[in-house]
């Protein structure tokens, strides 16, 4: 048996931090878990004060007698609900990518 771990990352400037993690679902095979995990990966709406937000996943082996609870709202999801800048992420469009950090001028 496998379960999926959802990892939420936030970028502030050049720093990226793991903002939260939660488990999701029970899968009989690693292939089924990985197939479901691919659909969960990607950009998230960017909360105010951050340069980027995204979710990654990984599948981990669990014992057969372990039961995983359903996904529940996290503090990060509440942060997103309360603090999204509407123009940064619209339902019909992808979230904007984080701005590239300024580069130093090239020397001749």
PDB file of N, CA and C in Angstrom:
ATOM      1  N   UNK A   1       0.844  -1.178   0.000  1.00  0.00           N
ATOM      2  CA  UNK A   1       0.000   0.000   0.000  1.00  0.00           C
ATOM      3  C   UNK A   1       0.890   1.244   0.000  1.00  0.00           C
ATOM      4  N   UNK A   2       0.380   2.272  -0.640  1.00  0.00           N
ATOM      5  CA  UNK A   2       1.101   3.536  -0.734  1.00  0.00           C
ATOM      6  C   UNK A   2       0.159   4.686  -0.404  1.00  0.00           C
ATOM      7  N   UNK A   3       0.723   5.783   0.044  1.00  0.00           N
ATOM      8  CA  UNK A   3      -0.018   7.026   0.205  1.00  0.00           C
ATOM      9  C   UNK A   3       0.769   8.145  -0.445  1.00  0.00           C
ATOM     10  N   UNK A   4       0.074   9.206  -0.788  1.00  0.00           N
ATOM     11  CA  UNK A   4       0.696  10.359  -1.431  1.00  0.00           C
ATOM     12  C   UNK A   4       0.921  11.448  -0.382  1.00  0.00           C
ATOM     13  N   UNK A   5       2.103  12.032  -0.384  1.00  0.00           N
ATOM     14  CA  UNK A   5       2.409  13.163   0.479  1.00  0.00           C
ATOM     15  C   UNK A   5       2.417  14.409  -0.406  1.00  0.00           C
ATOM     16  N   UNK A   6       1.580  15.381  -0.054  1.00  0.00           N
ATOM     17  CA  UNK A   6       1.517  16.646  -0.788  1.00  0.00           C
ATOM     18  C   UNK A   6       2.422  17.643  -0.071  1.00  0.00           C
ATOM     19  N   UNK A   7       3.343  18.247  -0.806  1.00  0.00           N
ATOM     20  CA  UNK A   7       4.305  19.199  -0.256  1.00  0.00           C
ATOM     21  C   UNK A   7       4.030  20.568  -0.864  1.00  0.00           C
ATOM     22  N   UNK A   8       3.824  21.572  -0.028  1.00  0.00           N
ATOM     23  CA  UNK A   8       3.525  22.926  -0.509  1.00  0.00           C
ATOM     24  C   UNK A   8       4.726  23.822  -0.216  1.00  0.00           C
ATOM     25  N   UNK A   9       5.216  24.471  -1.270  1.00  0.00           N
ATOM     26  CA  UNK A   9       6.385  25.341  -1.168  1.00  0.00           C
ATOM     27  C   UNK A   9       5.995  26.785  -1.447  1.00  0.00           C
ATOM     28  N   UNK A  10       6.621  27.713  -0.710  1.00  0.00           N
ATOM     29  CA  UNK A  10       6.449  29.147  -0.946  1.00  0.00           C
ATOM     30  C   UNK A  10       7.808  29.768  -1.209  1.00  0.00           C
ATOM     31  N   UNK A  11       7.846  30.675  -2.183  1.00  0.00           N
ATOM     32  CA  UNK A  11       9.078  31.378  -2.512  1.00  0.00           C
ATOM     33  C   UNK A  11       8.954  32.824  -2.088  1.00  0.00           C
ATOM     34  N   UNK A  12       9.963  33.305  -1.368  1.00  0.00           N
ATOM     35  CA  UNK A  12      10.054  34.698  -0.962  1.00  0.00           C
ATOM     36  C   UNK A  12      11.445  35.165  -1.345  1.00  0.00           C
ATOM     37  N   UNK A  13      11.533  36.030  -2.353  1.00  0.00           N
ATOM     38  CA  UNK A  13      12.835  36.432  -2.868  1.00  0.00           C
ATOM     39  C   UNK A  13      13.529  35.233  -3.469  1.00  0.00           C
ATOM     40  N   UNK A  14      14.749  34.965  -3.026  1.00  0.00           N
ATOM     41  CA  UNK A  14      15.498  33.814  -3.524  1.00  0.00           C
ATOM     42  C   UNK A  14      15.353  32.591  -2.624  1.00  0.00           C
ATOM     43  N   UNK A  15      14.559  32.711  -1.566  1.00  0.00           N
ATOM     44  CA  UNK A  15      14.411  31.624  -0.605  1.00  0.00           C
ATOM     45  C   UNK A  15      13.120  30.851  -0.847  1.00  0.00           C
ATOM     46  N   UNK A  16      13.231  29.529  -0.776  1.00  0.00           N
ATOM     47  CA  UNK A  16      12.071  28.652  -0.916  1.00  0.00           C
ATOM     48  C   UNK A  16      11.951  27.846   0.374  1.00  0.00           C
ATOM     49  N   UNK A  17      10.744  27.844   0.935  1.00  0.00           N
ATOM     50  CA  UNK A  17      10.494  27.117   2.173  1.00  0.00           C
ATOM     51  C   UNK A  17       9.350  26.129   1.991  1.00  0.00           C
ATOM     52  N   UNK A  18       9.445  25.020   2.695  1.00  0.00           N
ATOM     53  CA  UNK A  18       8.353  24.066   2.749  1.00  0.00           C
ATOM     54  C   UNK A  18       7.313  24.641   3.703  1.00  0.00           C
ATOM     55  N   UNK A  19       6.141  25.009   3.161  1.00  0.00           N
ATOM     56  CA  UNK A  19       5.112  25.656   3.968  1.00  0.00           C
ATOM     57  C   UNK A  19       4.188  24.650   4.645  1.00  0.00           C
ATOM     58  N   UNK A  20       4.092  23.453   4.091  1.00  0.00           N
ATOM     59  CA  UNK A  20       3.202  22.471   4.692  1.00  0.00           C
ATOM     60  C   UNK A  20       3.256  21.154   3.951  1.00  0.00           C
ATOM     61  N   UNK A  21       2.797  20.123   4.607  1.00  0.00           N
ATOM     62  CA  UNK A  21       2.733  18.790   4.007  1.00  0.00           C
ATOM     63  C   UNK A  21       1.532  18.063   4.593  1.00  0.00           C
ATOM     64  N   UNK A  22       0.894  17.256   3.780  1.00  0.00           N
ATOM     65  CA  UNK A  22      -0.231  16.460   4.233  1.00  0.00           C
ATOM     66  C   UNK A  22      -0.284  15.164   3.430  1.00  0.00           C
ATOM     67  N   UNK A  23      -0.909  14.155   3.980  1.00  0.00           N
ATOM     68  CA  UNK A  23      -1.042  12.885   3.273  1.00  0.00           C
ATOM     69  C   UNK A  23      -2.408  12.806   2.613  1.00  0.00           C
ATOM     70  N   UNK A  24      -2.474  12.022   1.543  1.00  0.00           N
ATOM     71  CA  UNK A  24      -3.717  11.954   0.782  1.00  0.00           C
ATOM     72  C   UNK A  24      -3.878  10.586   0.146  1.00  0.00           C
ATOM     73  N   UNK A  25      -4.926   9.881   0.501  1.00  0.00           N
ATOM     74  CA  UNK A  25      -5.316   8.666  -0.188  1.00  0.00           C
ATOM     75  C   UNK A  25      -4.523   7.422   0.158  1.00  0.00           C
ATOM     76  N   UNK A  26      -5.096   6.287  -0.277  1.00  0.00           N
ATOM     77  CA  UNK A  26      -4.459   4.981  -0.154  1.00  0.00           C
ATOM     78  C   UNK A  26      -4.480   4.334  -1.530  1.00  0.00           C
ATOM     79  N   UNK A  27      -3.344   3.797  -1.952  1.00  0.00           N
ATOM     80  CA  UNK A  27      -3.213   3.214  -3.287  1.00  0.00           C
ATOM     81  C   UNK A  27      -2.623   1.816  -3.152  1.00  0.00           C
ATOM     82  N   UNK A  28      -3.148   0.883  -3.938  1.00  0.00           N
ATOM     83  CA  UNK A  28      -2.675  -0.501  -3.869  1.00  0.00           C
ATOM     84  C   UNK A  28      -1.293  -0.691  -4.468  1.00  0.00           C
ATOM     85  N   UNK A  29      -0.942   0.121  -5.478  1.00  0.00           N
ATOM     86  CA  UNK A  29       0.358  -0.024  -6.134  1.00  0.00           C
ATOM     87  C   UNK A  29       1.051   1.329  -6.236  1.00  0.00           C
ATOM     88  N   UNK A  30       2.354   1.276  -6.386  1.00  0.00           N
ATOM     89  CA  UNK A  30       3.130   2.500  -6.576  1.00  0.00           C
ATOM     90  C   UNK A  30       2.718   3.200  -7.867  1.00  0.00           C
ATOM     91  N   UNK A  31       2.438   2.440  -8.920  1.00  0.00           N
ATOM     92  CA  UNK A  31       2.039   3.029 -10.204  1.00  0.00           C
ATOM     93  C   UNK A  31       0.752   3.836 -10.075  1.00  0.00           C
ATOM     94  N   UNK A  32      -0.231   3.319  -9.348  1.00  0.00           N
ATOM     95  CA  UNK A  32      -1.486   4.062  -9.153  1.00  0.00           C
ATOM     96  C   UNK A  32      -1.256   5.337  -8.358  1.00  0.00           C
ATOM     97  N   UNK A  33      -0.410   5.272  -7.355  1.00  0.00           N
ATOM     98  CA  UNK A  33      -0.093   6.452  -6.555  1.00  0.00           C
ATOM     99  C   UNK A  33       0.606   7.506  -7.407  1.00  0.00           C
ATOM    100  N   UNK A  34       1.591   7.092  -8.186  1.00  0.00           N
ATOM    101  CA  UNK A  34       2.326   8.035  -9.017  1.00  0.00           C
ATOM    102  C   UNK A  34       1.443   8.659 -10.092  1.00  0.00           C
ATOM    103  N   UNK A  35       0.501   7.896 -10.629  1.00  0.00           N
ATOM    104  CA  UNK A  35      -0.423   8.432 -11.623  1.00  0.00           C
ATOM    105  C   UNK A  35      -1.287   9.536 -11.005  1.00  0.00           C
ATOM    106  N   UNK A  36      -1.779   9.312  -9.806  1.00  0.00           N
ATOM    107  CA  UNK A  36      -2.575  10.328  -9.113  1.00  0.00           C
ATOM    108  C   UNK A  36      -1.714  11.519  -8.700  1.00  0.00           C
ATOM    109  N   UNK A  37      -0.466  11.253  -8.341  1.00  0.00           N
ATOM    110  CA  UNK A  37       0.430  12.316  -7.883  1.00  0.00           C
ATOM    111  C   UNK A  37       0.752  13.308  -8.995  1.00  0.00           C
ATOM    112  N   UNK A  38       0.879  12.834 -10.218  1.00  0.00           N
ATOM    113  CA  UNK A  38       1.212  13.718 -11.341  1.00  0.00           C
ATOM    114  C   UNK A  38       0.161  14.808 -11.510  1.00  0.00           C
ATOM    115  N   UNK A  39      -1.107  14.463 -11.295  1.00  0.00           N
ATOM    116  CA  UNK A  39      -2.192  15.433 -11.465  1.00  0.00           C
ATOM    117  C   UNK A  39      -2.196  16.504 -10.385  1.00  0.00           C
ATOM    118  N   UNK A  40      -1.567  16.245  -9.250  1.00  0.00           N
ATOM    119  CA  UNK A  40      -1.568  17.193  -8.132  1.00  0.00           C
ATOM    120  C   UNK A  40      -0.409  18.187  -8.174  1.00  0.00           C
ATOM    121  N   UNK A  41       0.619  17.908  -8.970  1.00  0.00           N
ATOM    122  CA  UNK A  41       1.810  18.759  -9.008  1.00  0.00           C
ATOM    123  C   UNK A  41       1.548  20.034  -9.797  1.00  0.00           C
ATOM    124  N   UNK A  42       2.243  21.106  -9.416  1.00  0.00           N
ATOM    125  CA  UNK A  42       2.178  22.304 -10.221  1.00  0.00           C
ATOM    126  C   UNK A  42       2.008  23.583  -9.426  1.00  0.00           C
ATOM    127  N   UNK A  43       1.832  24.703 -10.166  1.00  0.00           N
ATOM    128  CA  UNK A  43       1.741  26.013  -9.507  1.00  0.00           C
ATOM    129  C   UNK A  43       0.443  26.151  -8.723  1.00  0.00           C
ATOM    130  N   UNK A  44       0.510  26.966  -7.692  1.00  0.00           N
ATOM    131  CA  UNK A  44      -0.647  27.311  -6.873  1.00  0.00           C
ATOM    132  C   UNK A  44      -0.850  28.813  -6.940  1.00  0.00           C
ATOM    133  N   UNK A  45      -2.019  29.300  -6.585  1.00  0.00           N
ATOM    134  CA  UNK A  45      -2.199  30.751  -6.491  1.00  0.00           C
ATOM    135  C   UNK A  45      -1.170  31.330  -5.525  1.00  0.00           C
ATOM    136  N   UNK A  46      -0.654  32.485  -5.854  1.00  0.00           N
ATOM    137  CA  UNK A  46       0.430  33.081  -5.072  1.00  0.00           C
ATOM    138  C   UNK A  46      -0.144  34.026  -4.019  1.00  0.00           C
ATOM    139  N   UNK A  47       0.084  33.724  -2.730  1.00  0.00           N
ATOM    140  CA  UNK A  47      -0.418  34.613  -1.678  1.00  0.00           C
ATOM    141  C   UNK A  47       0.326  35.954  -1.681  1.00  0.00           C
ATOM    142  N   UNK A  48      -0.320  36.973  -1.149  1.00  0.00           N
ATOM    143  CA  UNK A  48       0.316  38.285  -1.029  1.00  0.00           C
ATOM    144  C   UNK A  48       1.632  38.162  -0.274  1.00  0.00           C
ATOM    145  N   UNK A  49       2.639  38.875  -0.731  1.00  0.00           N
ATOM    146  CA  UNK A  49       3.922  38.873  -0.049  1.00  0.00           C
ATOM    147  C   UNK A  49       4.880  37.781  -0.484  1.00  0.00           C
ATOM    148  N   UNK A  50       4.468  36.935  -1.421  1.00  0.00           N
ATOM    149  CA  UNK A  50       5.330  35.859  -1.891  1.00  0.00           C
ATOM    150  C   UNK A  50       5.564  35.988  -3.390  1.00  0.00           C
ATOM    151  N   UNK A  51       6.672  35.406  -3.849  1.00  0.00           N
ATOM    152  CA  UNK A  51       7.008  35.459  -5.271  1.00  0.00           C
ATOM    153  C   UNK A  51       6.513  34.233  -6.021  1.00  0.00           C
ATOM    154  N   UNK A  52       6.254  33.143  -5.336  1.00  0.00           N
ATOM    155  CA  UNK A  52       5.802  31.933  -6.002  1.00  0.00           C
ATOM    156  C   UNK A  52       5.248  30.934  -5.007  1.00  0.00           C
ATOM    157  N   UNK A  53       4.417  30.024  -5.523  1.00  0.00           N
ATOM    158  CA  UNK A  53       3.850  28.958  -4.695  1.00  0.00           C
ATOM    159  C   UNK A  53       3.583  27.766  -5.592  1.00  0.00           C
ATOM    160  N   UNK A  54       3.931  26.573  -5.144  1.00  0.00           N
ATOM    161  CA  UNK A  54       3.658  25.383  -5.929  1.00  0.00           C
ATOM    162  C   UNK A  54       3.560  24.173  -5.023  1.00  0.00           C
ATOM    163  N   UNK A  55       3.026  23.117  -5.585  1.00  0.00           N
ATOM    164  CA  UNK A  55       2.821  21.878  -4.855  1.00  0.00           C
ATOM    165  C   UNK A  55       3.556  20.748  -5.564  1.00  0.00           C
ATOM    166  N   UNK A  56       4.235  19.938  -4.788  1.00  0.00           N
ATOM    167  CA  UNK A  56       4.890  18.752  -5.312  1.00  0.00           C
ATOM    168  C   UNK A  56       4.325  17.556  -4.553  1.00  0.00           C
ATOM    169  N   UNK A  57       4.607  16.378  -5.036  1.00  0.00           N
ATOM    170  CA  UNK A  57       4.083  15.171  -4.406  1.00  0.00           C
ATOM    171  C   UNK A  57       5.154  14.091  -4.361  1.00  0.00           C
ATOM    172  N   UNK A  58       4.946  13.140  -3.465  1.00  0.00           N
ATOM    173  CA  UNK A  58       5.769  11.940  -3.453  1.00  0.00           C
ATOM    174  C   UNK A  58       4.931  10.806  -2.886  1.00  0.00           C
ATOM    175  N   UNK A  59       5.214   9.611  -3.316  1.00  0.00           N
ATOM    176  CA  UNK A  59       4.494   8.432  -2.852  1.00  0.00           C
ATOM    177  C   UNK A  59       5.377   7.667  -1.869  1.00  0.00           C
ATOM    178  N   UNK A  60       4.783   7.270  -0.758  1.00  0.00           N
ATOM    179  CA  UNK A  60       5.540   6.533   0.254  1.00  0.00           C
ATOM    180  C   UNK A  60       4.803   5.238   0.604  1.00  0.00           C
ATOM    181  N   UNK A  61       5.576   4.240   0.911  1.00  0.00           N
ATOM    182  CA  UNK A  61       5.049   2.929   1.286  1.00  0.00           C
ATOM    183  C   UNK A  61       4.463   3.002   2.698  1.00  0.00           C
ATOM    184  N   UNK A  62       3.264   2.417   2.872  1.00  0.00           N
ATOM    185  CA  UNK A  62       2.660   2.328   4.191  1.00  0.00           C
ATOM    186  C   UNK A  62       2.258   0.863   4.441  1.00  0.00           C
ATOM    187  N   UNK A  63       2.131   0.491   5.692  1.00  0.00           N
ATOM    188  CA  UNK A  63       1.686  -0.864   6.031  1.00  0.00           C
ATOM    189  C   UNK A  63       0.224  -1.043   5.638  1.00  0.00           C
ATOM    190  N   UNK A  64      -0.155  -2.257   5.356  1.00  0.00           N
ATOM    191  CA  UNK A  64      -1.533  -2.547   4.921  1.00  0.00           C
ATOM    192  C   UNK A  64      -2.581  -2.206   5.978  1.00  0.00           C
ATOM    193  N   UNK A  65      -2.226  -2.261   7.237  1.00  0.00           N
ATOM    194  CA  UNK A  65      -3.205  -1.966   8.283  1.00  0.00           C
ATOM    195  C   UNK A  65      -3.286  -0.483   8.648  1.00  0.00           C
ATOM    196  N   UNK A  66      -2.547   0.364   7.931  1.00  0.00           N
ATOM    197  CA  UNK A  66      -2.578   1.812   8.170  1.00  0.00           C
ATOM    198  C   UNK A  66      -3.652   2.425   7.282  1.00  0.00           C
ATOM    199  N   UNK A  67      -4.464   3.298   7.855  1.00  0.00           N
ATOM    200  CA  UNK A  67      -5.482   4.000   7.083  1.00  0.00           C
ATOM    201  C   UNK A  67      -5.177   5.490   7.102  1.00  0.00           C
ATOM    202  N   UNK A  68      -5.255   6.099   5.932  1.00  0.00           N
ATOM    203  CA  UNK A  68      -4.928   7.507   5.769  1.00  0.00           C
ATOM    204  C   UNK A  68      -6.224   8.298   5.716  1.00  0.00           C
ATOM    205  N   UNK A  69      -6.311   9.358   6.516  1.00  0.00           N
ATOM    206  CA  UNK A  69      -7.500  10.209   6.507  1.00  0.00           C
ATOM    207  C   UNK A  69      -7.598  10.999   5.225  1.00  0.00           C
ATOM    208  N   UNK A  70      -8.772  11.521   4.957  1.00  0.00           N
ATOM    209  CA  UNK A  70      -8.975  12.354   3.776  1.00  0.00           C
ATOM    210  C   UNK A  70      -8.219  13.666   3.937  1.00  0.00           C
ATOM    211  N   UNK A  71      -7.985  14.325   2.799  1.00  0.00           N
ATOM    212  CA  UNK A  71      -7.342  15.627   2.838  1.00  0.00           C
ATOM    213  C   UNK A  71      -8.210  16.576   3.653  1.00  0.00           C
ATOM    214  N   UNK A  72      -7.571  17.460   4.378  1.00  0.00           N
ATOM    215  CA  UNK A  72      -8.312  18.454   5.139  1.00  0.00           C
ATOM    216  C   UNK A  72      -7.723  19.815   4.837  1.00  0.00           C
ATOM    217  N   UNK A  73      -8.493  20.839   5.089  1.00  0.00           N
ATOM    218  CA  UNK A  73      -8.010  22.199   4.844  1.00  0.00           C
ATOM    219  C   UNK A  73      -6.804  22.471   5.738  1.00  0.00           C
ATOM    220  N   UNK A  74      -5.788  23.088   5.168  1.00  0.00           N
ATOM    221  CA  UNK A  74      -4.591  23.422   5.927  1.00  0.00           C
ATOM    222  C   UNK A  74      -4.536  24.927   6.137  1.00  0.00           C
ATOM    223  N   UNK A  75      -3.639  25.344   7.000  1.00  0.00           N
ATOM    224  CA  UNK A  75      -3.459  26.780   7.232  1.00  0.00           C
ATOM    225  C   UNK A  75      -3.052  27.461   5.924  1.00  0.00           C
ATOM    226  N   UNK A  76      -2.287  26.759   5.079  1.00  0.00           N
ATOM    227  CA  UNK A  76      -1.877  27.347   3.805  1.00  0.00           C
ATOM    228  C   UNK A  76      -3.079  27.587   2.902  1.00  0.00           C
ATOM    229  N   UNK A  77      -4.008  26.640   2.867  1.00  0.00           N
ATOM    230  CA  UNK A  77      -5.205  26.827   2.041  1.00  0.00           C
ATOM    231  C   UNK A  77      -6.007  28.029   2.525  1.00  0.00           C
ATOM    232  N   UNK A  78      -6.066  28.247   3.833  1.00  0.00           N
ATOM    233  CA  UNK A  78      -6.764  29.421   4.360  1.00  0.00           C
ATOM    234  C   UNK A  78      -6.014  30.688   3.967  1.00  0.00           C
ATOM    235  N   UNK A  79      -4.689  30.638   4.015  1.00  0.00           N
ATOM    236  CA  UNK A  79      -3.881  31.772   3.586  1.00  0.00           C
ATOM    237  C   UNK A  79      -4.175  32.115   2.132  1.00  0.00           C
ATOM    238  N   UNK A  80      -4.246  31.098   1.273  1.00  0.00           N
ATOM    239  CA  UNK A  80      -4.567  31.329  -0.131  1.00  0.00           C
ATOM    240  C   UNK A  80      -5.948  31.946  -0.280  1.00  0.00           C
ATOM    241  N   UNK A  81      -6.904  31.427   0.435  1.00  0.00           N
ATOM    242  CA  UNK A  81      -8.278  31.916   0.326  1.00  0.00           C
ATOM    243  C   UNK A  81      -8.364  33.383   0.730  1.00  0.00           C
ATOM    244  N   UNK A  82      -7.630  33.764   1.768  1.00  0.00           N
ATOM    245  CA  UNK A  82      -7.719  35.122   2.297  1.00  0.00           C
ATOM    246  C   UNK A  82      -6.833  36.134   1.584  1.00  0.00           C
ATOM    247  N   UNK A  83      -5.762  35.676   0.908  1.00  0.00           N
ATOM    248  CA  UNK A  83      -4.739  36.624   0.479  1.00  0.00           C
ATOM    249  C   UNK A  83      -4.374  36.604  -0.992  1.00  0.00           C
ATOM    250  N   UNK A  84      -5.134  35.952  -1.843  1.00  0.00           N
ATOM    251  CA  UNK A  84      -4.772  35.910  -3.264  1.00  0.00           C
ATOM    252  C   UNK A  84      -5.024  37.263  -3.909  1.00  0.00           C
ATOM    253  N   UNK A  85      -4.061  37.684  -4.685  1.00  0.00           N
ATOM    254  CA  UNK A  85      -4.252  38.868  -5.515  1.00  0.00           C
ATOM    255  C   UNK A  85      -4.982  38.412  -6.763  1.00  0.00           C
ATOM    256  N   UNK A  86      -6.205  38.895  -7.016  1.00  0.00           N
ATOM    257  CA  UNK A  86      -6.998  38.385  -8.142  1.00  0.00           C
ATOM    258  C   UNK A  86      -6.290  38.453  -9.489  1.00  0.00           C
ATOM    259  N   UNK A  87      -5.516  39.490  -9.747  1.00  0.00           N
ATOM    260  CA  UNK A  87      -4.887  39.585 -11.060  1.00  0.00           C
ATOM    261  C   UNK A  87      -3.718  38.633 -11.230  1.00  0.00           C
ATOM    262  N   UNK A  88      -3.243  38.051 -10.158  1.00  0.00           N
ATOM    263  CA  UNK A  88      -2.116  37.116 -10.276  1.00  0.00           C
ATOM    264  C   UNK A  88      -2.546  35.739 -10.752  1.00  0.00           C
ATOM    265  N   UNK A  89      -3.744  35.319 -10.419  1.00  0.00           N
ATOM    266  CA  UNK A  89      -4.156  33.972 -10.781  1.00  0.00           C
ATOM    267  C   UNK A  89      -5.654  33.967 -11.021  1.00  0.00           C
ATOM    268  N   UNK A  90      -6.044  33.793 -12.244  1.00  0.00           N
ATOM    269  CA  UNK A  90      -7.457  33.756 -12.600  1.00  0.00           C
ATOM    270  C   UNK A  90      -7.843  32.323 -12.908  1.00  0.00           C
ATOM    271  N   UNK A  91      -9.112  31.962 -12.722  1.00  0.00           N
ATOM    272  CA  UNK A  91      -9.523  30.574 -12.978  1.00  0.00           C
ATOM    273  C   UNK A  91      -9.227  30.107 -14.398  1.00  0.00           C
ATOM    274  N   UNK A  92      -9.339  30.995 -15.382  1.00  0.00           N
ATOM    275  CA  UNK A  92      -9.129  30.573 -16.770  1.00  0.00           C
ATOM    276  C   UNK A  92      -7.663  30.623 -17.188  1.00  0.00           C
ATOM    277  N   UNK A  93      -6.799  31.140 -16.345  1.00  0.00           N
ATOM    278  CA  UNK A  93      -5.390  31.292 -16.716  1.00  0.00           C
ATOM    279  C   UNK A  93      -4.502  30.621 -15.669  1.00  0.00           C
ATOM    280  N   UNK A  94      -3.315  30.299 -16.083  1.00  0.00           N
ATOM    281  CA  UNK A  94      -2.350  29.706 -15.153  1.00  0.00           C
ATOM    282  C   UNK A  94      -1.825  30.785 -14.222  1.00  0.00           C
ATOM    283  N   UNK A  95      -1.351  30.368 -13.054  1.00  0.00           N
ATOM    284  CA  UNK A  95      -0.765  31.328 -12.123  1.00  0.00           C
ATOM    285  C   UNK A  95       0.480  31.921 -12.760  1.00  0.00           C
ATOM    286  N   UNK A  96       0.742  33.163 -12.446  1.00  0.00           N
ATOM    287  CA  UNK A  96       1.918  33.801 -13.036  1.00  0.00           C
ATOM    288  C   UNK A  96       3.182  33.202 -12.439  1.00  0.00           C
ATOM    289  N   UNK A  97       4.242  33.073 -13.241  1.00  0.00           N
ATOM    290  CA  UNK A  97       5.498  32.561 -12.688  1.00  0.00           C
ATOM    291  C   UNK A  97       6.161  33.624 -11.810  1.00  0.00           C
ATOM    292  N   UNK A  98       6.984  33.199 -10.913  1.00  0.00           N
ATOM    293  CA  UNK A  98       7.715  34.142 -10.083  1.00  0.00           C
ATOM    294  C   UNK A  98       8.652  34.953 -10.955  1.00  0.00           C
ATOM    295  N   UNK A  99       8.788  36.229 -10.636  1.00  0.00           N
ATOM    296  CA  UNK A  99       9.671  37.095 -11.398  1.00  0.00           C
ATOM    297  C   UNK A  99      11.118  36.641 -11.200  1.00  0.00           C
ATOM    298  N   UNK A 100      11.891  36.721 -12.267  1.00  0.00           N
ATOM    299  CA  UNK A 100      13.304  36.340 -12.188  1.00  0.00           C
ATOM    300  C   UNK A 100      14.049  37.385 -11.370  1.00  0.00           C
ATOM    301  N   UNK A 101      14.986  36.953 -10.528  1.00  0.00           N
ATOM    302  CA  UNK A 101      15.748  37.927  -9.754  1.00  0.00           C
ATOM    303  C   UNK A 101      16.625  38.763 -10.681  1.00  0.00           C
ATOM    304  N   UNK A 102      16.875  40.023 -10.323  1.00  0.00           N
ATOM    305  CA  UNK A 102      17.717  40.847 -11.187  1.00  0.00           C
ATOM    306  C   UNK A 102      19.118  40.275 -11.280  1.00  0.00           C
ATOM    307  N   UNK A 103      19.694  40.383 -12.473  1.00  0.00           N
ATOM    308  CA  UNK A 103      21.059  39.883 -12.684  1.00  0.00           C
ATOM    309  C   UNK A 103      22.033  41.051 -12.691  1.00  0.00           C
ATOM    310  N   UNK A 104      23.247  40.810 -12.216  1.00  0.00           N
ATOM    311  CA  UNK A 104      24.239  41.880 -12.273  1.00  0.00           C
ATOM    312  C   UNK A 104      24.626  42.152 -13.716  1.00  0.00           C
ATOM    313  N   UNK A 105      25.020  43.391 -14.023  1.00  0.00           N
ATOM    314  CA  UNK A 105      25.405  43.698 -15.402  1.00  0.00           C
ATOM    315  C   UNK A 105      26.630  42.883 -15.824  1.00  0.00           C
ATOM    316  N   UNK A 106      26.684  42.532 -17.110  1.00  0.00           N
ATOM    317  CA  UNK A 106      27.832  41.803 -17.641  1.00  0.00           C
ATOM    318  C   UNK A 106      29.037  42.737 -17.743  1.00  0.00           C
ATOM    319  N   UNK A 107      30.188  42.207 -17.438  1.00  0.00           N
ATOM    320  CA  UNK A 107      31.425  43.008 -17.542  1.00  0.00           C
ATOM    321  C   UNK A 107      32.019  42.812 -18.932  1.00  0.00           C
ATOM    322  N   UNK A 108      32.539  43.881 -19.518  1.00  0.00           N
ATOM    323  CA  UNK A 108      33.134  43.732 -20.861  1.00  0.00           C
ATOM    324  C   UNK A 108      34.412  42.947 -20.859  1.00  0.00           C
TER     325      UNK A 108
END
